[in-house]
Amino acid sequence: PLSPRVTVCDMAEVPLAAESVDVAVFCLALMGTN
């Protein structure tokens, strides 16, 4: 958490319900072998 707004988690398991967002963003953050 570089900001209080950050939810700390693995990007492969975010705590959001299915079909709950309109836009998903990976800005220079598409990392990892998975």
Full PDB file with SEQRES, HELIX, SHEET, SSBOND, CRYST1, ORIGX, SCALE, CONECT and MASTER records, all heavy atoms in Angstrom:
SEQRES   1 A   34  PRO LEU SER PRO ARG VAL THR VAL CYS ASP MET ALA GLU          
SEQRES   2 A   34  VAL PRO LEU ALA ALA GLU SER VAL ASP VAL ALA VAL PHE          
SEQRES   3 A   34  CYS LEU ALA LEU MET GLY THR ASN                              
CRYST1    1.000    1.000    1.000  90.00  90.00  90.00 P 1           1          
ORIGX1      1.000000  0.000000  0.000000        0.00000                         
ORIGX2      0.000000  1.000000  0.000000        0.00000                         
ORIGX3      0.000000  0.000000  1.000000        0.00000                         
SCALE1      1.000000  0.000000  0.000000        0.00000                         
SCALE2      0.000000  1.000000  0.000000        0.00000                         
SCALE3      0.000000  0.000000  1.000000        0.00000                         
ATOM      1  N   PRO A   1       0.814  -1.228   0.000  1.00  0.00           N  
ATOM      2  CA  PRO A   1       0.000   0.000   0.000  1.00  0.00           C  
ATOM      3  C   PRO A   1       0.847   1.278   0.000  1.00  0.00           C  
ATOM      4  O   PRO A   1       1.318   1.710   1.034  1.00  0.00           O  
ATOM      5  CB  PRO A   1      -0.798  -0.126   1.306  1.00  0.00           C  
ATOM      6  CG  PRO A   1       0.089  -0.908   2.214  1.00  0.00           C  
ATOM      7  CD  PRO A   1       0.863  -1.854   1.333  1.00  0.00           C  
ATOM      8  N   LEU A   2       1.025   1.870  -1.194  1.00  0.00           N  
ATOM      9  CA  LEU A   2       1.697   3.171  -1.279  1.00  0.00           C  
ATOM     10  C   LEU A   2       0.716   4.293  -0.952  1.00  0.00           C  
ATOM     11  O   LEU A   2       1.101   5.439  -0.850  1.00  0.00           O  
ATOM     12  CB  LEU A   2       2.279   3.402  -2.680  1.00  0.00           C  
ATOM     13  CG  LEU A   2       3.474   2.554  -3.086  1.00  0.00           C  
ATOM     14  CD1 LEU A   2       3.953   2.949  -4.465  1.00  0.00           C  
ATOM     15  CD2 LEU A   2       4.603   2.656  -2.071  1.00  0.00           C  
ATOM     16  N   SER A   3      -0.556   3.947  -0.833  1.00  0.00           N  
ATOM     17  CA  SER A   3      -1.618   4.898  -0.526  1.00  0.00           C  
ATOM     18  C   SER A   3      -2.641   4.150   0.327  1.00  0.00           C  
ATOM     19  O   SER A   3      -2.806   2.937   0.180  1.00  0.00           O  
ATOM     20  CB  SER A   3      -2.261   5.380  -1.832  1.00  0.00           C  
ATOM     21  OG  SER A   3      -3.575   5.851  -1.609  1.00  0.00           O  
ATOM     22  N   PRO A   4      -3.363   4.887   1.188  1.00  0.00           N  
ATOM     23  CA  PRO A   4      -4.418   4.227   1.982  1.00  0.00           C  
ATOM     24  C   PRO A   4      -5.536   3.639   1.110  1.00  0.00           C  
ATOM     25  O   PRO A   4      -6.286   2.784   1.568  1.00  0.00           O  
ATOM     26  CB  PRO A   4      -4.967   5.350   2.862  1.00  0.00           C  
ATOM     27  CG  PRO A   4      -3.965   6.449   2.815  1.00  0.00           C  
ATOM     28  CD  PRO A   4      -3.195   6.284   1.534  1.00  0.00           C  
ATOM     29  N   ARG A   5      -5.637   4.082  -0.147  1.00  0.00           N  
ATOM     30  CA  ARG A   5      -6.671   3.580  -1.060  1.00  0.00           C  
ATOM     31  C   ARG A   5      -6.405   2.159  -1.548  1.00  0.00           C  
ATOM     32  O   ARG A   5      -7.290   1.503  -2.091  1.00  0.00           O  
ATOM     33  CB  ARG A   5      -6.752   4.467  -2.311  1.00  0.00           C  
ATOM     34  CG  ARG A   5      -7.279   5.838  -2.062  1.00  0.00           C  
ATOM     35  CD  ARG A   5      -7.221   6.622  -3.359  1.00  0.00           C  
ATOM     36  NE  ARG A   5      -8.200   7.687  -3.344  1.00  0.00           N  
ATOM     37  CZ  ARG A   5      -8.318   8.598  -4.286  1.00  0.00           C  
ATOM     38  NH1 ARG A   5      -7.534   8.561  -5.338  1.00  0.00           N  
ATOM     39  NH2 ARG A   5      -9.226   9.540  -4.200  1.00  0.00           N  
ATOM     40  N   VAL A   6      -5.162   1.690  -1.398  1.00  0.00           N  
ATOM     41  CA  VAL A   6      -4.749   0.406  -1.966  1.00  0.00           C  
ATOM     42  C   VAL A   6      -5.262  -0.776  -1.152  1.00  0.00           C  
ATOM     43  O   VAL A   6      -5.133  -0.801   0.067  1.00  0.00           O  
ATOM     44  CB  VAL A   6      -3.203   0.321  -2.056  1.00  0.00           C  
ATOM     45  CG1 VAL A   6      -2.760  -1.052  -2.559  1.00  0.00           C  
ATOM     46  CG2 VAL A   6      -2.650   1.415  -2.961  1.00  0.00           C  
ATOM     47  N   THR A   7      -5.853  -1.736  -1.858  1.00  0.00           N  
ATOM     48  CA  THR A   7      -6.172  -3.033  -1.267  1.00  0.00           C  
ATOM     49  C   THR A   7      -5.015  -3.950  -1.639  1.00  0.00           C  
ATOM     50  O   THR A   7      -4.723  -4.140  -2.827  1.00  0.00           O  
ATOM     51  CB  THR A   7      -7.494  -3.594  -1.829  1.00  0.00           C  
ATOM     52  OG1 THR A   7      -8.554  -2.704  -1.490  1.00  0.00           O  
ATOM     53  CG2 THR A   7      -7.783  -4.978  -1.277  1.00  0.00           C  
ATOM     54  N   VAL A   8      -4.334  -4.484  -0.638  1.00  0.00           N  
ATOM     55  CA  VAL A   8      -3.180  -5.349  -0.875  1.00  0.00           C  
ATOM     56  C   VAL A   8      -3.668  -6.756  -1.217  1.00  0.00           C  
ATOM     57  O   VAL A   8      -4.454  -7.340  -0.477  1.00  0.00           O  
ATOM     58  CB  VAL A   8      -2.261  -5.379   0.373  1.00  0.00           C  
ATOM     59  CG1 VAL A   8      -1.121  -6.377   0.180  1.00  0.00           C  
ATOM     60  CG2 VAL A   8      -1.719  -3.991   0.669  1.00  0.00           C  
ATOM     61  N   CYS A   9      -3.223  -7.256  -2.371  1.00  0.00           N  
ATOM     62  CA  CYS A   9      -3.613  -8.604  -2.791  1.00  0.00           C  
ATOM     63  C   CYS A   9      -2.772  -9.039  -3.982  1.00  0.00           C  
ATOM     64  O   CYS A   9      -2.074  -8.240  -4.605  1.00  0.00           O  
ATOM     65  CB  CYS A   9      -5.095  -8.656  -3.153  1.00  0.00           C  
ATOM     66  SG  CYS A   9      -5.551  -7.613  -4.543  1.00  0.00           S  
ATOM     67  N   ASP A  10      -2.887 -10.317  -4.287  1.00  0.00           N  
ATOM     68  CA  ASP A  10      -2.308 -10.913  -5.481  1.00  0.00           C  
ATOM     69  C   ASP A  10      -3.236 -10.524  -6.641  1.00  0.00           C  
ATOM     70  O   ASP A  10      -4.457 -10.631  -6.508  1.00  0.00           O  
ATOM     71  CB  ASP A  10      -2.281 -12.428  -5.253  1.00  0.00           C  
ATOM     72  CG  ASP A  10      -1.794 -13.247  -6.438  1.00  0.00           C  
ATOM     73  OD1 ASP A  10      -1.653 -12.704  -7.550  1.00  0.00           O  
ATOM     74  OD2 ASP A  10      -1.582 -14.450  -6.246  1.00  0.00           O  
ATOM     75  N   MET A  11      -2.684 -10.082  -7.757  1.00  0.00           N  
ATOM     76  CA  MET A  11      -3.515  -9.643  -8.883  1.00  0.00           C  
ATOM     77  C   MET A  11      -4.325 -10.791  -9.492  1.00  0.00           C  
ATOM     78  O   MET A  11      -5.255 -10.559 -10.260  1.00  0.00           O  
ATOM     79  CB  MET A  11      -2.670  -8.982  -9.977  1.00  0.00           C  
ATOM     80  CG  MET A  11      -1.943  -7.711  -9.553  1.00  0.00           C  
ATOM     81  SD  MET A  11      -2.960  -6.512  -8.697  1.00  0.00           S  
ATOM     82  CE  MET A  11      -2.292  -6.621  -7.057  1.00  0.00           C  
ATOM     83  N   ALA A  12      -3.973 -12.031  -9.148  1.00  0.00           N  
ATOM     84  CA  ALA A  12      -4.731 -13.183  -9.649  1.00  0.00           C  
ATOM     85  C   ALA A  12      -5.929 -13.496  -8.752  1.00  0.00           C  
ATOM     86  O   ALA A  12      -6.722 -14.376  -9.074  1.00  0.00           O  
ATOM     87  CB  ALA A  12      -3.819 -14.410  -9.749  1.00  0.00           C  
ATOM     88  N   GLU A  13      -6.058 -12.752  -7.637  1.00  0.00           N  
ATOM     89  CA  GLU A  13      -7.166 -12.969  -6.698  1.00  0.00           C  
ATOM     90  C   GLU A  13      -7.562 -11.642  -6.057  1.00  0.00           C  
ATOM     91  O   GLU A  13      -7.177 -11.367  -4.927  1.00  0.00           O  
ATOM     92  CB  GLU A  13      -6.751 -13.948  -5.591  1.00  0.00           C  
ATOM     93  CG  GLU A  13      -6.509 -15.350  -6.050  1.00  0.00           C  
ATOM     94  CD  GLU A  13      -6.107 -16.258  -4.898  1.00  0.00           C  
ATOM     95  OE1 GLU A  13      -6.851 -16.301  -3.887  1.00  0.00           O  
ATOM     96  OE2 GLU A  13      -5.048 -16.886  -5.000  1.00  0.00           O  
ATOM     97  N   VAL A  14      -8.339 -10.834  -6.765  1.00  0.00           N  
ATOM     98  CA  VAL A  14      -8.765  -9.552  -6.189  1.00  0.00           C  
ATOM     99  C   VAL A  14     -10.122  -9.723  -5.500  1.00  0.00           C  
ATOM    100  O   VAL A  14     -10.960 -10.496  -5.958  1.00  0.00           O  
ATOM    101  CB  VAL A  14      -8.821  -8.415  -7.247  1.00  0.00           C  
ATOM    102  CG1 VAL A  14      -7.442  -8.159  -7.852  1.00  0.00           C  
ATOM    103  CG2 VAL A  14      -9.825  -8.705  -8.335  1.00  0.00           C  
ATOM    104  N   PRO A  15     -10.319  -9.023  -4.394  1.00  0.00           N  
ATOM    105  CA  PRO A  15     -11.572  -9.186  -3.647  1.00  0.00           C  
ATOM    106  C   PRO A  15     -12.728  -8.367  -4.233  1.00  0.00           C  
ATOM    107  O   PRO A  15     -13.200  -7.405  -3.642  1.00  0.00           O  
ATOM    108  CB  PRO A  15     -11.194  -8.705  -2.242  1.00  0.00           C  
ATOM    109  CG  PRO A  15     -10.105  -7.705  -2.475  1.00  0.00           C  
ATOM    110  CD  PRO A  15      -9.357  -8.180  -3.685  1.00  0.00           C  
ATOM    111  N   LEU A  16     -13.152  -8.759  -5.423  1.00  0.00           N  
ATOM    112  CA  LEU A  16     -14.296  -8.127  -6.086  1.00  0.00           C  
ATOM    113  C   LEU A  16     -15.252  -9.207  -6.550  1.00  0.00           C  
ATOM    114  O   LEU A  16     -14.824 -10.309  -6.934  1.00  0.00           O  
ATOM    115  CB  LEU A  16     -13.852  -7.316  -7.308  1.00  0.00           C  
ATOM    116  CG  LEU A  16     -13.169  -5.976  -7.091  1.00  0.00           C  
ATOM    117  CD1 LEU A  16     -12.758  -5.377  -8.438  1.00  0.00           C  
ATOM    118  CD2 LEU A  16     -14.057  -4.999  -6.346  1.00  0.00           C  
ATOM    119  N   ALA A  17     -16.513  -8.868  -6.566  1.00  0.00           N  
ATOM    120  CA  ALA A  17     -17.519  -9.798  -7.072  1.00  0.00           C  
ATOM    121  C   ALA A  17     -17.378  -9.940  -8.587  1.00  0.00           C  
ATOM    122  O   ALA A  17     -16.891  -9.031  -9.266  1.00  0.00           O  
ATOM    123  CB  ALA A  17     -18.918  -9.280  -6.727  1.00  0.00           C  
ATOM    124  N   ALA A  18     -17.821 -11.053  -9.104  1.00  0.00           N  
ATOM    125  CA  ALA A  18     -17.833 -11.272 -10.552  1.00  0.00           C  
ATOM    126  C   ALA A  18     -18.714 -10.212 -11.210  1.00  0.00           C  
ATOM    127  O   ALA A  18     -19.720  -9.791 -10.640  1.00  0.00           O  
ATOM    128  CB  ALA A  18     -18.352 -12.668 -10.868  1.00  0.00           C  
ATOM    129  N   GLU A  19     -18.301  -9.776 -12.392  1.00  0.00           N  
ATOM    130  CA  GLU A  19     -19.055  -8.800 -13.192  1.00  0.00           C  
ATOM    131  C   GLU A  19     -19.441  -7.560 -12.397  1.00  0.00           C  
ATOM    132  O   GLU A  19     -20.578  -7.107 -12.442  1.00  0.00           O  
ATOM    133  CB  GLU A  19     -20.295  -9.469 -13.786  1.00  0.00           C  
ATOM    134  CG  GLU A  19     -19.941 -10.622 -14.707  1.00  0.00           C  
ATOM    135  CD  GLU A  19     -21.143 -11.245 -15.382  1.00  0.00           C  
ATOM    136  OE1 GLU A  19     -22.139 -10.528 -15.638  1.00  0.00           O  
ATOM    137  OE2 GLU A  19     -21.087 -12.456 -15.667  1.00  0.00           O  
ATOM    138  N   SER A  20     -18.455  -6.985 -11.673  1.00  0.00           N  
ATOM    139  CA  SER A  20     -18.741  -5.818 -10.828  1.00  0.00           C  
ATOM    140  C   SER A  20     -18.084  -4.522 -11.298  1.00  0.00           C  
ATOM    141  O   SER A  20     -18.334  -3.471 -10.731  1.00  0.00           O  
ATOM    142  CB  SER A  20     -18.313  -6.103  -9.378  1.00  0.00           C  
ATOM    143  OG  SER A  20     -16.919  -6.387  -9.324  1.00  0.00           O  
ATOM    144  N   VAL A  21     -17.252  -4.592 -12.354  1.00  0.00           N  
ATOM    145  CA  VAL A  21     -16.597  -3.365 -12.831  1.00  0.00           C  
ATOM    146  C   VAL A  21     -16.791  -3.191 -14.332  1.00  0.00           C  
ATOM    147  O   VAL A  21     -16.999  -4.159 -15.066  1.00  0.00           O  
ATOM    148  CB  VAL A  21     -15.086  -3.322 -12.475  1.00  0.00           C  
ATOM    149  CG1 VAL A  21     -14.852  -3.412 -10.978  1.00  0.00           C  
ATOM    150  CG2 VAL A  21     -14.290  -4.373 -13.206  1.00  0.00           C  
ATOM    151  N   ASP A  22     -16.714  -1.941 -14.744  1.00  0.00           N  
ATOM    152  CA  ASP A  22     -16.887  -1.611 -16.165  1.00  0.00           C  
ATOM    153  C   ASP A  22     -15.561  -1.559 -16.913  1.00  0.00           C  
ATOM    154  O   ASP A  22     -15.507  -1.805 -18.116  1.00  0.00           O  
ATOM    155  CB  ASP A  22     -17.576  -0.241 -16.297  1.00  0.00           C  
ATOM    156  CG  ASP A  22     -18.927  -0.226 -15.621  1.00  0.00           C  
ATOM    157  OD1 ASP A  22     -19.850  -0.863 -16.150  1.00  0.00           O  
ATOM    158  OD2 ASP A  22     -19.056   0.402 -14.541  1.00  0.00           O  
ATOM    159  N   VAL A  23     -14.497  -1.194 -16.199  1.00  0.00           N  
ATOM    160  CA  VAL A  23     -13.174  -1.031 -16.816  1.00  0.00           C  
ATOM    161  C   VAL A  23     -12.122  -1.663 -15.909  1.00  0.00           C  
ATOM    162  O   VAL A  23     -12.070  -1.365 -14.716  1.00  0.00           O  
ATOM    163  CB  VAL A  23     -12.832   0.469 -17.023  1.00  0.00           C  
ATOM    164  CG1 VAL A  23     -11.471   0.621 -17.714  1.00  0.00           C  
ATOM    165  CG2 VAL A  23     -13.915   1.185 -17.823  1.00  0.00           C  
ATOM    166  N   ALA A  24     -11.301  -2.532 -16.479  1.00  0.00           N  
ATOM    167  CA  ALA A  24     -10.165  -3.104 -15.755  1.00  0.00           C  
ATOM    168  C   ALA A  24      -8.894  -2.548 -16.400  1.00  0.00           C  
ATOM    169  O   ALA A  24      -8.778  -2.532 -17.629  1.00  0.00           O  
ATOM    170  CB  ALA A  24     -10.176  -4.621 -15.830  1.00  0.00           C  
ATOM    171  N   VAL A  25      -7.962  -2.081 -15.566  1.00  0.00           N  
ATOM    172  CA  VAL A  25      -6.759  -1.406 -16.064  1.00  0.00           C  
ATOM    173  C   VAL A  25      -5.502  -2.120 -15.571  1.00  0.00           C  
ATOM    174  O   VAL A  25      -5.376  -2.440 -14.386  1.00  0.00           O  
ATOM    175  CB  VAL A  25      -6.728   0.064 -15.575  1.00  0.00           C  
ATOM    176  CG1 VAL A  25      -5.414   0.743 -15.949  1.00  0.00           C  
ATOM    177  CG2 VAL A  25      -7.916   0.842 -16.135  1.00  0.00           C  
ATOM    178  N   PHE A  26      -4.577  -2.344 -16.499  1.00  0.00           N  
ATOM    179  CA  PHE A  26      -3.210  -2.772 -16.184  1.00  0.00           C  
ATOM    180  C   PHE A  26      -2.300  -1.744 -16.829  1.00  0.00           C  
ATOM    181  O   PHE A  26      -2.082  -1.787 -18.038  1.00  0.00           O  
ATOM    182  CB  PHE A  26      -2.898  -4.158 -16.766  1.00  0.00           C  
ATOM    183  CG  PHE A  26      -3.601  -5.286 -16.079  1.00  0.00           C  
ATOM    184  CD1 PHE A  26      -4.852  -5.704 -16.508  1.00  0.00           C  
ATOM    185  CD2 PHE A  26      -3.009  -5.936 -15.005  1.00  0.00           C  
ATOM    186  CE1 PHE A  26      -5.511  -6.758 -15.885  1.00  0.00           C  
ATOM    187  CE2 PHE A  26      -3.667  -6.987 -14.370  1.00  0.00           C  
ATOM    188  CZ  PHE A  26      -4.916  -7.397 -14.812  1.00  0.00           C  
ATOM    189  N   CYS A  27      -1.812  -0.805 -16.058  1.00  0.00           N  
ATOM    190  CA  CYS A  27      -0.946   0.240 -16.605  1.00  0.00           C  
ATOM    191  C   CYS A  27       0.484  -0.030 -16.137  1.00  0.00           C  
ATOM    192  O   CYS A  27       0.829   0.229 -14.977  1.00  0.00           O  
ATOM    193  CB  CYS A  27      -1.417   1.617 -16.134  1.00  0.00           C  
ATOM    194  SG  CYS A  27      -0.496   2.953 -16.916  1.00  0.00           S  
ATOM    195  N   LEU A  28       1.275  -0.582 -17.045  1.00  0.00           N  
ATOM    196  CA  LEU A  28       2.654  -0.988 -16.744  1.00  0.00           C  
ATOM    197  C   LEU A  28       2.679  -1.932 -15.552  1.00  0.00           C  
ATOM    198  O   LEU A  28       3.550  -1.862 -14.697  1.00  0.00           O  
ATOM    199  CB  LEU A  28       3.542   0.245 -16.495  1.00  0.00           C  
ATOM    200  CG  LEU A  28       3.565   1.268 -17.631  1.00  0.00           C  
ATOM    201  CD1 LEU A  28       4.329   2.509 -17.235  1.00  0.00           C  
ATOM    202  CD2 LEU A  28       4.157   0.654 -18.894  1.00  0.00           C  
ATOM    203  N   ALA A  29       1.684  -2.784 -15.466  1.00  0.00           N  
ATOM    204  CA  ALA A  29       1.542  -3.668 -14.308  1.00  0.00           C  
ATOM    205  C   ALA A  29       1.203  -5.103 -14.690  1.00  0.00           C  
ATOM    206  O   ALA A  29       0.848  -5.887 -13.833  1.00  0.00           O  
ATOM    207  CB  ALA A  29       0.454  -3.110 -13.396  1.00  0.00           C  
ATOM    208  N   LEU A  30       1.315  -5.431 -15.945  1.00  0.00           N  
ATOM    209  CA  LEU A  30       0.995  -6.792 -16.382  1.00  0.00           C  
ATOM    210  C   LEU A  30       2.253  -7.632 -16.204  1.00  0.00           C  
ATOM    211  O   LEU A  30       3.041  -7.816 -17.122  1.00  0.00           O  
ATOM    212  CB  LEU A  30       0.537  -6.781 -17.838  1.00  0.00           C  
ATOM    213  CG  LEU A  30      -0.311  -7.940 -18.303  1.00  0.00           C  
ATOM    214  CD1 LEU A  30      -1.490  -8.201 -17.378  1.00  0.00           C  
ATOM    215  CD2 LEU A  30      -0.807  -7.691 -19.700  1.00  0.00           C  
ATOM    216  N   MET A  31       2.465  -8.075 -14.966  1.00  0.00           N  
ATOM    217  CA  MET A  31       3.704  -8.770 -14.615  1.00  0.00           C  
ATOM    218  C   MET A  31       3.406 -10.177 -14.155  1.00  0.00           C  
ATOM    219  O   MET A  31       2.301 -10.487 -13.754  1.00  0.00           O  
ATOM    220  CB  MET A  31       4.410  -8.026 -13.486  1.00  0.00           C  
ATOM    221  CG  MET A  31       4.800  -6.629 -13.847  1.00  0.00           C  
ATOM    222  SD  MET A  31       5.519  -5.828 -12.419  1.00  0.00           S  
ATOM    223  CE  MET A  31       6.318  -4.460 -13.221  1.00  0.00           C  
ATOM    224  N   GLY A  32       4.423 -11.001 -14.173  1.00  0.00           N  
ATOM    225  CA  GLY A  32       4.300 -12.352 -13.660  1.00  0.00           C  
ATOM    226  C   GLY A  32       4.159 -13.363 -14.773  1.00  0.00           C  
ATOM    227  O   GLY A  32       3.743 -13.039 -15.886  1.00  0.00           O  
ATOM    228  N   THR A  33       4.504 -14.580 -14.452  1.00  0.00           N  
ATOM    229  CA  THR A  33       4.459 -15.654 -15.443  1.00  0.00           C  
ATOM    230  C   THR A  33       3.061 -16.243 -15.570  1.00  0.00           C  
ATOM    231  O   THR A  33       2.783 -16.964 -16.516  1.00  0.00           O  
ATOM    232  CB  THR A  33       5.447 -16.780 -15.037  1.00  0.00           C  
ATOM    233  OG1 THR A  33       5.163 -17.156 -13.689  1.00  0.00           O  
ATOM    234  CG2 THR A  33       6.882 -16.317 -15.150  1.00  0.00           C  
ATOM    235  N   ASN A  34       2.179 -15.892 -14.633  1.00  0.00           N  
ATOM    236  CA  ASN A  34       0.809 -16.428 -14.667  1.00  0.00           C  
ATOM    237  C   ASN A  34      -0.169 -15.409 -15.267  1.00  0.00           C  
ATOM    238  O   ASN A  34      -1.227 -15.149 -14.722  1.00  0.00           O  
ATOM    239  CB  ASN A  34       0.369 -16.873 -13.268  1.00  0.00           C  
ATOM    240  CG  ASN A  34       0.455 -15.760 -12.235  1.00  0.00           C  
ATOM    241  OD1 ASN A  34       1.300 -14.883 -12.304  1.00  0.00           O  
ATOM    242  ND2 ASN A  34      -0.423 -15.797 -11.253  1.00  0.00           N  
TER     243      ASN A  34                                                      
MASTER        0    0    0    0    0    0    0    6  242    1    0    3          
END                                                                             
